[in-house]
Amino acid sequence: MKKVLALAAAAAFIFGASQPQEAKAQRALDVASTFPKNMVYLGEGAENLAKLVSDVSGGKLRMKIHGAGELVPALEVFNAVSSGSIAAGWDWIGYWAGTVPVAGLMGAMPFGPGPEVFLGWMWEGGGLEILQKAYDKYNVKVLPCHLTAPEAGGWFNKEINKPDDFKGLKMRISGLGGKVINKLGASSQLIAGGEIYVALERGRIEATEFSLPIIDKSLGFQNITKYYYFPGWHQPASWNSLIINMNVWKKYSEIEQKQFVAACKANVVWSMAVAPAAQGPVLEEFKAKGVKVLRFPDPVLQALRTASSEVLQEEAKGDPIFKEALDSLTAYASKANAWMELQRLPNK
């Protein structure tokens, strides 16, 4: 009997000693999203990442996704992660440009590279290292985990036929694009995705951009605006990321950290794979509802390009890390585009 009790006590000791490590491995990472939890594509990206993280870790790593506003307001996620009041966030990187200037460029570069080149630069061309250097000051680990295809140019309540049509226009537009249209006389506003419809419906704004047609459809913009413009000059490609408080990140083992990275890269593939074919049918639905799907006239695009160049140079003068990133991305894109141009096939 004493032998049995001794074995039981030993087993209990071993089990108890192993519990903290096991509990640590099974912990769930609370993630505050800047998007409504079930928002098509953008919100789904976080949920898909959570599944991938679980898959690559054999279920030991878990993420619990909280929709915009459930833990903190959408546009306060970065500061909350930085302070440690929440462990992690899911974002569009450009939302944090007011705090970290280079985030505006990392989120999307107006008239910048498309997804293929932006992807190469971020993960293999030095972009992530520059971004992390900027985030280190705020005690935040960043993992770019979702690459969005070129977006729409926006929804408008009037036609945009010339650059002057931007004068006095109140438009929700994020990132550096807002500073660009301000140069053409518009008044830009940054409004979280879940709040845009009401702002547009009540006349607080007269135009908005948000994302891809499938996402814009889910927000209902086609029901209250008449003109849908392309191309998405302000976001030819854009990054969403998983941000984690650095103190939390350092508690993960090296293997666990690599599992997060692997899941992020797999999520990038998912984000690029599901987007292209889904947009065409939605555009046809919009047209059937009477929405005019148009391209910005060339003079408008040229004015926007000129203003974009001015904004980028101004931002570079004001922040050394922004300048480093802009120079690095421009050089990388130049090399990549030289090869891609040789491979370009004729339209017909």
Protein backbone atom coordinates (compact mmCIF):
# COMPACT_ATOMS: atom_id res chain seq x y z
CA MET A 1 0.00 0.00 0.00
CA LYS A 2 2.83 2.35 0.90
CA LYS A 3 4.43 1.57 -2.48
CA VAL A 4 1.21 2.47 -4.30
CA LEU A 5 0.88 5.71 -2.36
CA ALA A 6 4.48 6.57 -3.10
CA LEU A 7 3.97 5.99 -6.81
CA ALA A 8 0.80 8.07 -6.74
CA ALA A 9 2.58 10.89 -4.95
CA ALA A 10 5.43 10.77 -7.45
CA ALA A 11 2.97 10.84 -10.35
CA ALA A 12 1.13 13.77 -8.80
CA PHE A 13 4.40 15.63 -8.36
CA ILE A 14 5.45 15.03 -11.97
CA PHE A 15 1.99 16.03 -13.23
CA GLY A 16 1.93 19.14 -11.10
CA ALA A 17 5.43 20.14 -12.14
CA SER A 18 4.50 19.77 -15.79
CA GLN A 19 1.28 21.76 -15.54
CA PRO A 20 2.69 25.31 -15.86
CA GLN A 21 4.55 24.42 -19.06
CA GLU A 22 1.52 22.68 -20.53
CA ALA A 23 -0.75 25.57 -19.53
CA LYS A 24 1.69 27.97 -21.15
CA ALA A 25 1.69 25.96 -24.37
CA GLN A 26 -2.11 25.89 -24.44
CA ARG A 27 -2.72 29.56 -23.70
CA ALA A 28 -4.91 31.55 -26.07
CA LEU A 29 -3.69 34.87 -27.40
CA ASP A 30 -6.41 37.53 -27.17
CA VAL A 31 -6.37 39.56 -30.40
CA ALA A 32 -8.27 42.84 -30.77
CA SER A 33 -9.16 43.41 -34.41
CA THR A 34 -9.56 46.79 -36.07
CA PHE A 35 -12.29 45.21 -38.24
CA PRO A 36 -15.69 43.76 -37.38
CA LYS A 37 -15.06 40.13 -36.50
CA ASN A 38 -16.89 38.55 -39.42
CA MET A 39 -16.12 41.19 -42.05
CA VAL A 40 -15.56 39.55 -45.43
CA TYR A 41 -11.89 38.96 -46.20
CA LEU A 42 -10.34 41.44 -43.74
CA GLY A 43 -12.04 40.09 -40.63
CA GLU A 44 -11.87 36.58 -42.03
CA GLY A 45 -8.12 37.00 -42.44
CA ALA A 46 -7.67 37.06 -38.68
CA GLU A 47 -9.87 33.99 -38.23
CA ASN A 48 -7.97 32.16 -40.94
CA LEU A 49 -4.68 33.08 -39.30
CA ALA A 50 -5.95 31.71 -35.99
CA LYS A 51 -6.73 28.40 -37.69
CA LEU A 52 -3.30 28.28 -39.32
CA VAL A 53 -1.54 29.05 -36.03
CA SER A 54 -3.39 26.16 -34.41
CA ASP A 55 -2.62 23.86 -37.34
CA VAL A 56 1.12 24.49 -37.49
CA SER A 57 1.49 24.16 -33.72
CA GLY A 58 -0.56 21.00 -33.42
CA GLY A 59 -3.18 22.89 -31.45
CA LYS A 60 -0.78 24.17 -28.80
CA LEU A 61 -0.99 27.79 -29.92
CA ARG A 62 -4.40 29.42 -30.07
CA MET A 63 -5.73 32.86 -30.91
CA LYS A 64 -9.05 34.31 -29.77
CA ILE A 65 -10.19 37.02 -32.17
CA HIS A 66 -12.22 39.93 -30.79
CA GLY A 67 -14.04 42.19 -33.25
CA ALA A 68 -13.56 45.94 -33.47
CA GLY A 69 -14.69 47.65 -30.29
CA GLU A 70 -15.06 44.49 -28.21
CA LEU A 71 -11.88 45.13 -26.22
CA VAL A 72 -10.87 48.64 -27.33
CA PRO A 73 -12.01 51.02 -30.08
CA ALA A 74 -10.65 50.01 -33.47
CA LEU A 75 -8.26 52.93 -33.86
CA GLU A 76 -6.80 52.49 -30.36
CA VAL A 77 -5.54 48.94 -30.89
CA PHE A 78 -1.88 49.87 -31.45
CA ASN A 79 -1.60 51.97 -28.31
CA ALA A 80 -3.34 49.26 -26.28
CA VAL A 81 -0.93 46.60 -27.53
CA SER A 82 2.02 48.91 -26.92
CA SER A 83 1.01 49.56 -23.32
CA GLY A 84 0.21 45.92 -22.69
CA SER A 85 -3.44 46.51 -21.83
CA ILE A 86 -4.22 43.99 -24.56
CA ALA A 87 -1.87 41.26 -25.72
CA ALA A 88 -2.27 41.49 -29.50
CA GLY A 89 -4.07 43.17 -32.38
CA TRP A 90 -5.08 42.60 -35.99
CA ASP A 91 -4.82 45.71 -38.14
CA TRP A 92 -4.26 47.53 -41.36
CA ILE A 93 -0.72 48.79 -40.81
CA GLY A 94 -1.43 52.27 -42.16
CA TYR A 95 -3.81 53.07 -39.32
CA TRP A 96 -0.83 53.83 -37.09
CA ALA A 97 0.87 56.45 -39.27
CA GLY A 98 -0.03 59.18 -36.79
CA THR A 99 2.12 57.43 -34.19
CA VAL A 100 4.68 55.66 -36.41
CA PRO A 101 5.08 57.64 -39.66
CA VAL A 102 6.58 54.76 -41.64
CA ALA A 103 3.42 52.72 -40.98
CA GLY A 104 1.70 54.91 -43.58
CA LEU A 105 4.10 53.70 -46.25
CA MET A 106 4.06 50.11 -45.03
CA GLY A 107 0.27 50.03 -45.11
CA ALA A 108 0.18 51.12 -48.75
CA MET A 109 2.24 53.36 -51.03
CA PRO A 110 0.22 55.61 -53.36
CA PHE A 111 1.14 54.74 -56.95
CA GLY A 112 3.49 52.19 -55.44
CA PRO A 113 4.18 48.55 -56.24
CA GLY A 114 1.57 45.88 -56.66
CA PRO A 115 1.20 42.84 -54.39
CA GLU A 116 3.97 40.72 -55.90
CA VAL A 117 6.71 43.33 -55.50
CA PHE A 118 5.42 44.61 -52.15
CA LEU A 119 5.45 41.03 -50.85
CA GLY A 120 9.01 40.45 -51.97
CA TRP A 121 10.26 43.64 -50.39
CA MET A 122 8.45 43.13 -47.09
CA TRP A 123 9.54 39.57 -46.37
CA GLU A 124 12.77 39.25 -48.38
CA GLY A 125 13.90 42.77 -49.28
CA GLY A 126 14.42 44.36 -45.87
CA GLY A 127 11.01 45.94 -45.40
CA LEU A 128 10.06 43.99 -42.30
CA GLU A 129 13.36 44.79 -40.60
CA ILE A 130 12.77 48.51 -41.12
CA LEU A 131 9.21 48.27 -39.84
CA GLN A 132 10.24 46.32 -36.76
CA LYS A 133 12.92 48.89 -35.99
CA ALA A 134 10.23 51.57 -35.91
CA TYR A 135 7.94 49.42 -33.73
CA ASP A 136 10.66 48.50 -31.24
CA LYS A 137 10.31 51.92 -29.66
CA TYR A 138 6.71 51.05 -28.79
CA ASN A 139 7.39 47.56 -27.46
CA VAL A 140 5.44 45.94 -30.30
CA LYS A 141 6.29 42.88 -32.41
CA VAL A 142 4.86 43.05 -35.93
CA LEU A 143 4.13 40.22 -38.37
CA PRO A 144 2.68 41.23 -41.78
CA CYS A 145 0.17 38.43 -42.32
CA HIS A 146 -2.31 39.55 -45.00
CA LEU A 147 -1.64 41.19 -48.36
CA THR A 148 -4.64 42.84 -49.99
CA ALA A 149 -4.97 43.08 -53.76
CA PRO A 150 -5.40 46.50 -55.43
CA GLU A 151 -8.40 48.26 -53.95
CA ALA A 152 -11.08 50.42 -55.50
CA GLY A 153 -10.51 54.13 -55.87
CA GLY A 154 -13.63 54.91 -53.90
CA TRP A 155 -17.35 55.65 -53.80
CA PHE A 156 -18.57 59.15 -54.68
CA ASN A 157 -21.86 60.99 -54.72
CA LYS A 158 -20.75 62.93 -57.78
CA GLU A 159 -18.66 62.33 -60.87
CA ILE A 160 -14.94 63.08 -60.71
CA ASN A 161 -14.05 64.43 -64.14
CA LYS A 162 -11.16 66.77 -63.30
CA PRO A 163 -8.76 67.43 -60.41
CA ASP A 164 -10.79 70.44 -59.28
CA ASP A 165 -13.70 68.12 -58.45
CA PHE A 166 -11.81 67.18 -55.28
CA LYS A 167 -12.00 70.73 -53.96
CA GLY A 168 -14.16 70.89 -50.85
CA LEU A 169 -14.91 67.16 -51.00
CA LYS A 170 -15.31 65.48 -47.59
CA MET A 171 -13.91 61.96 -48.03
CA ARG A 172 -13.11 59.08 -45.75
CA ILE A 173 -9.73 57.83 -46.93
CA SER A 174 -6.98 56.17 -44.96
CA GLY A 175 -3.21 56.43 -44.96
CA LEU A 176 -1.10 58.62 -47.17
CA GLY A 177 -3.95 58.85 -49.66
CA GLY A 178 -5.70 61.27 -47.33
CA LYS A 179 -2.75 63.66 -47.42
CA VAL A 180 -2.69 63.37 -51.20
CA ILE A 181 -6.30 64.39 -51.76
CA ASN A 182 -5.89 67.22 -49.26
CA LYS A 183 -3.36 68.70 -51.68
CA LEU A 184 -6.14 68.79 -54.27
CA GLY A 185 -8.40 70.71 -51.89
CA ALA A 186 -10.34 67.83 -50.32
CA SER A 187 -10.93 67.28 -46.61
CA SER A 188 -9.91 63.75 -45.61
CA GLN A 189 -11.21 61.88 -42.59
CA LEU A 190 -10.13 58.59 -41.04
CA ILE A 191 -13.13 56.56 -39.91
CA ALA A 192 -13.10 52.92 -38.81
CA GLY A 193 -14.70 50.48 -41.24
CA GLY A 194 -17.76 49.68 -39.18
CA GLU A 195 -18.66 53.37 -38.88
CA ILE A 196 -18.33 54.49 -42.50
CA TYR A 197 -21.85 53.68 -43.72
CA VAL A 198 -23.54 55.86 -41.12
CA ALA A 199 -21.11 58.73 -41.78
CA LEU A 200 -21.86 58.53 -45.51
CA GLU A 201 -25.60 58.14 -45.03
CA ARG A 202 -25.81 61.15 -42.69
CA GLY A 203 -23.71 63.41 -44.89
CA ARG A 204 -20.71 63.65 -42.58
CA ILE A 205 -18.73 62.57 -45.63
CA GLU A 206 -19.53 62.71 -49.34
CA ALA A 207 -17.20 59.97 -50.53
CA THR A 208 -15.29 57.04 -49.15
CA GLU A 209 -12.82 54.35 -50.01
CA PHE A 210 -12.41 51.18 -48.04
CA SER A 211 -11.30 48.02 -49.78
CA LEU A 212 -12.10 45.42 -52.44
CA PRO A 213 -15.55 45.24 -54.07
CA ILE A 214 -16.50 42.12 -52.08
CA ILE A 215 -15.79 43.98 -48.85
CA ASP A 216 -17.41 47.23 -49.95
CA LYS A 217 -20.52 45.25 -50.86
CA SER A 218 -20.73 43.84 -47.33
CA LEU A 219 -20.71 47.40 -45.98
CA GLY A 220 -23.57 48.45 -48.28
CA PHE A 221 -21.99 51.45 -50.01
CA GLN A 222 -23.74 50.50 -53.28
CA ASN A 223 -27.05 51.36 -51.65
CA ILE A 224 -26.25 55.00 -50.92
CA THR A 225 -23.75 56.13 -53.57
CA LYS A 226 -23.85 56.25 -57.36
CA TYR A 227 -20.27 56.31 -58.61
CA TYR A 228 -17.58 53.69 -58.01
CA TYR A 229 -14.14 54.66 -59.25
CA PHE A 230 -10.98 52.77 -60.16
CA PRO A 231 -8.03 52.26 -60.00
CA GLY A 232 -7.11 52.20 -56.32
CA TRP A 233 -4.18 54.55 -56.81
CA HIS A 234 -3.82 55.05 -53.05
CA GLN A 235 -3.50 51.33 -52.28
CA PRO A 236 -2.16 49.25 -55.19
CA ALA A 237 -1.37 46.70 -52.47
CA SER A 238 -1.79 46.93 -48.71
CA TRP A 239 -0.69 45.05 -45.63
CA ASN A 240 -2.59 43.88 -42.57
CA SER A 241 -0.59 42.60 -39.63
CA LEU A 242 -0.65 40.74 -36.36
CA ILE A 243 0.88 42.91 -33.66
CA ILE A 244 1.87 41.46 -30.31
CA ASN A 245 3.07 43.18 -27.16
CA MET A 246 6.82 42.50 -27.09
CA ASN A 247 6.75 41.25 -23.50
CA VAL A 248 4.13 38.70 -24.53
CA TRP A 249 6.06 37.78 -27.69
CA LYS A 250 9.25 37.06 -25.75
CA LYS A 251 7.43 34.54 -23.57
CA TYR A 252 6.97 32.28 -26.59
CA SER A 253 9.72 29.78 -27.30
CA GLU A 254 11.82 30.12 -30.45
CA ILE A 255 9.89 27.26 -32.04
CA GLU A 256 6.56 28.89 -31.18
CA GLN A 257 7.69 32.20 -32.66
CA LYS A 258 8.66 30.40 -35.86
CA GLN A 259 5.25 28.77 -35.93
CA PHE A 260 3.59 32.20 -35.80
CA VAL A 261 5.80 33.35 -38.69
CA ALA A 262 5.02 30.26 -40.75
CA ALA A 263 1.29 30.74 -40.18
CA CYS A 264 1.56 34.40 -41.17
CA LYS A 265 3.26 33.55 -44.45
CA ALA A 266 0.64 30.90 -45.19
CA ASN A 267 -2.07 33.48 -44.48
CA VAL A 268 -0.50 35.82 -47.04
CA VAL A 269 -0.92 33.08 -49.65
CA TRP A 270 -4.57 32.69 -48.64
CA SER A 271 -5.21 36.44 -48.83
CA MET A 272 -3.76 36.67 -52.34
CA ALA A 273 -5.46 33.50 -53.59
CA VAL A 274 -9.05 34.24 -52.60
CA ALA A 275 -9.28 37.83 -53.87
CA PRO A 276 -8.97 38.05 -57.69
CA ALA A 277 -11.83 35.96 -59.09
CA ALA A 278 -14.37 37.13 -56.53
CA GLN A 279 -14.41 40.79 -57.59
CA GLY A 280 -15.86 40.57 -61.13
CA PRO A 281 -19.28 39.13 -60.23
CA VAL A 282 -19.72 41.74 -57.49
CA LEU A 283 -18.99 44.55 -59.95
CA GLU A 284 -21.70 43.15 -62.22
CA GLU A 285 -24.11 43.19 -59.27
CA PHE A 286 -23.30 46.84 -58.64
CA LYS A 287 -23.95 47.74 -62.27
CA ALA A 288 -27.28 45.93 -62.17
CA LYS A 289 -28.26 48.13 -59.20
CA GLY A 290 -27.50 51.27 -61.21
CA VAL A 291 -24.02 51.99 -59.86
CA LYS A 292 -21.71 53.53 -62.44
CA VAL A 293 -18.35 51.73 -62.35
CA LEU A 294 -15.80 54.10 -63.81
CA ARG A 295 -12.09 54.80 -64.15
CA PHE A 296 -10.65 58.11 -63.03
CA PRO A 297 -9.82 60.23 -66.09
CA ASP A 298 -6.10 60.40 -66.91
CA PRO A 299 -5.77 64.10 -65.90
CA VAL A 300 -7.14 63.22 -62.45
CA LEU A 301 -4.73 60.32 -62.04
CA GLN A 302 -1.83 62.50 -63.14
CA ALA A 303 -2.74 65.17 -60.59
CA LEU A 304 -3.00 62.50 -57.90
CA ARG A 305 0.37 61.05 -58.92
CA THR A 306 2.04 64.46 -58.72
CA ALA A 307 0.52 65.12 -55.30
CA SER A 308 1.54 61.63 -54.14
CA SER A 309 5.16 62.28 -55.05
CA GLU A 310 5.08 65.51 -53.05
CA VAL A 311 3.56 63.80 -50.02
CA LEU A 312 6.10 60.97 -50.06
CA GLN A 313 9.03 63.39 -50.21
CA GLU A 314 7.57 65.53 -47.42
CA GLU A 315 7.10 62.49 -45.21
CA ALA A 316 10.64 61.33 -45.94
CA LYS A 317 12.05 64.70 -44.89
CA GLY A 318 10.15 64.55 -41.62
CA ASP A 319 11.13 61.05 -40.50
CA PRO A 320 14.44 59.20 -41.09
CA ILE A 321 12.90 55.72 -40.87
CA PHE A 322 10.24 56.70 -43.41
CA LYS A 323 13.03 57.90 -45.72
CA GLU A 324 14.95 54.67 -45.23
CA ALA A 325 11.87 52.63 -46.09
CA LEU A 326 10.94 54.75 -49.10
CA ASP A 327 14.47 54.58 -50.52
CA SER A 328 14.62 50.83 -49.90
CA LEU A 329 11.20 50.11 -51.43
CA THR A 330 11.86 52.35 -54.43
CA ALA A 331 15.19 50.65 -55.13
CA TYR A 332 13.70 47.18 -54.72
CA ALA A 333 10.74 48.01 -56.99
CA SER A 334 13.07 49.45 -59.62
CA LYS A 335 15.05 46.22 -59.79
CA ALA A 336 11.96 44.03 -59.80
CA ASN A 337 10.09 46.10 -62.37
CA ALA A 338 13.00 46.01 -64.81
CA TRP A 339 12.58 42.25 -65.00
CA MET A 340 8.79 42.30 -64.87
CA GLU A 341 8.60 44.79 -67.75
CA LEU A 342 10.59 42.43 -69.97
CA GLN A 343 8.09 39.70 -69.13
CA ARG A 344 5.00 41.83 -69.83
CA LEU A 345 2.75 40.31 -72.48
CA PRO A 346 0.65 42.37 -74.92
CA ASN A 347 -3.04 42.77 -74.08
CA LYS A 348 -4.09 41.35 -77.42
